[in-house]
Amino acid sequence: MVNSLGGYAMRVPSRAFSRLARTTRFIAASLSLGAVTEFLASSPAQAVEVESGTFSVVSEIGDPVGGGYPYAYTDGEGSADAMHAGWSDDGNRLTVIVLGANGDRWDVVMGAEYGKQLAPGTYTDAADTPTLGAPRLDVSGTFYGCESEGSFTIDRMVLGPRGYVEALDASFEQHCVGHEPGLTGQVHLTNPPPPAELALGVGLADSGTVGADGVPTVHGTVTCTEPVNVLVNGRIDQVVTKGSLATASYYTRVDCTPGTPAAWTATGTTNGGVPFERGNATVEFKAQAPDPVYGHTVVTDLGTSDVSLRRS
C-alpha cells in the first residue's frame, strides 16, 4: 500500500458529498440493493472478500477525489489491505470496495446502460448518475466522491452465482464535473471457483406426542451441505372427536453439520383453545438458514405429512 491523504487539506467541490472516512475491516454480508442511500443503492447484494487482488489509482494534482496522490493496495496472504467485490442481481453493475490497512476506502461502481448486462468491453461517456442509455462509473475515495464523468474498460470478467466475482481485470478514468484534472486506476482480482450454494433437507417423523394439557410435540431431522443453524417451523392441525379443529404453530432451531442428520424436536403453541388428542394430525414443515457464503436465505419447500400423536 502506498500513500494516503495524510494531512492534505482539500476543498469539497461543488455538489460533492462526504463519504465515510473509516469502516470496519469486514463488510456486512448483505448490502441492500433497494436502500435509499446512494451508497447502498450502488452496492452488490453480496460483497465477498477477494482472495487475491490489486487496486491502484493515480490522481492528478487538482483532482478532488484523490488529492493528487498515487495509491496502491494489495489483498492476499499476509496483506492487511482488503478488497471486496460483487455484482448486482440484475447483472447490470459491479462494485469493488477497497479497505486500506491505514483506513483508506475506495468504492468503484461500473455499470452498463440501464436494462443491459455488464460485459467485457470499453464503456465511454459514463457518469456517476448516467442519463438513459449511458453507462455508469462512480469512483469515490476515502473522504470524497463527486458528480463525475469518465470511461472504463473491462478486459476480463468471470462471474459466479449470487454476486460472486471469480475474476476481474478492469481500468477506469474519471473526472469530476468542472475539473480537468482527474484520476485513472486499475483493478485486478482473482477468486477460487464459486462455492456451491447451501442445500438443506428436512424430514418429519410419522409419530409425535400429545401431553395431558393437549399440547402436541413433533420431531424430525435436517440435513445441510454447510455448517449452519437451521430454523424449522410449521403448523399442526387435527380434527378432534367432537368435530372441532385443533391448531398449533411451532418452531425450533438446531445446529446442523454436513454429513450427519441433525435431530430436531418442537412443541406446538396452540391457537383457539381446542386441545389436541391422540390420533392422526396433519403437520406442515419447512426449514431455512442463511447461506454462509452468499448471504441469502435458503428455504426448503413446504412439506405436509400425517403424524400419529400418542400420549406422552
Foldseek 3Di string as FASTA:
>chain_A
DDDDCPPDDDDQDPAKDWDALFDDLDDDQAQDCPDPDLVSVLAARGWFKFAWKKKKKAFCCQFRFRNRHIDIAIHHPPGQKIKIKFAHPLQFKIWIWIAHNVGKIKIWIWGAAPPDHDDFAKFAFAWCDDDHRHIHIWIHISTITAGKGWMKGWPDWDADPLGRTAWTWMKIWMGHPPTPTTMIMIMTGHHDPDDDWKDKDWDWDQAWAAEPQQKTKTKTWMAMPAWWKKKKWWKKWDQDDVRDIKIWIWIDIDTYHHPDITMDMIITDTPDPDGHDFAKMKIKMKMWTATPRNGHIDIDDIDIDIHGYYHD
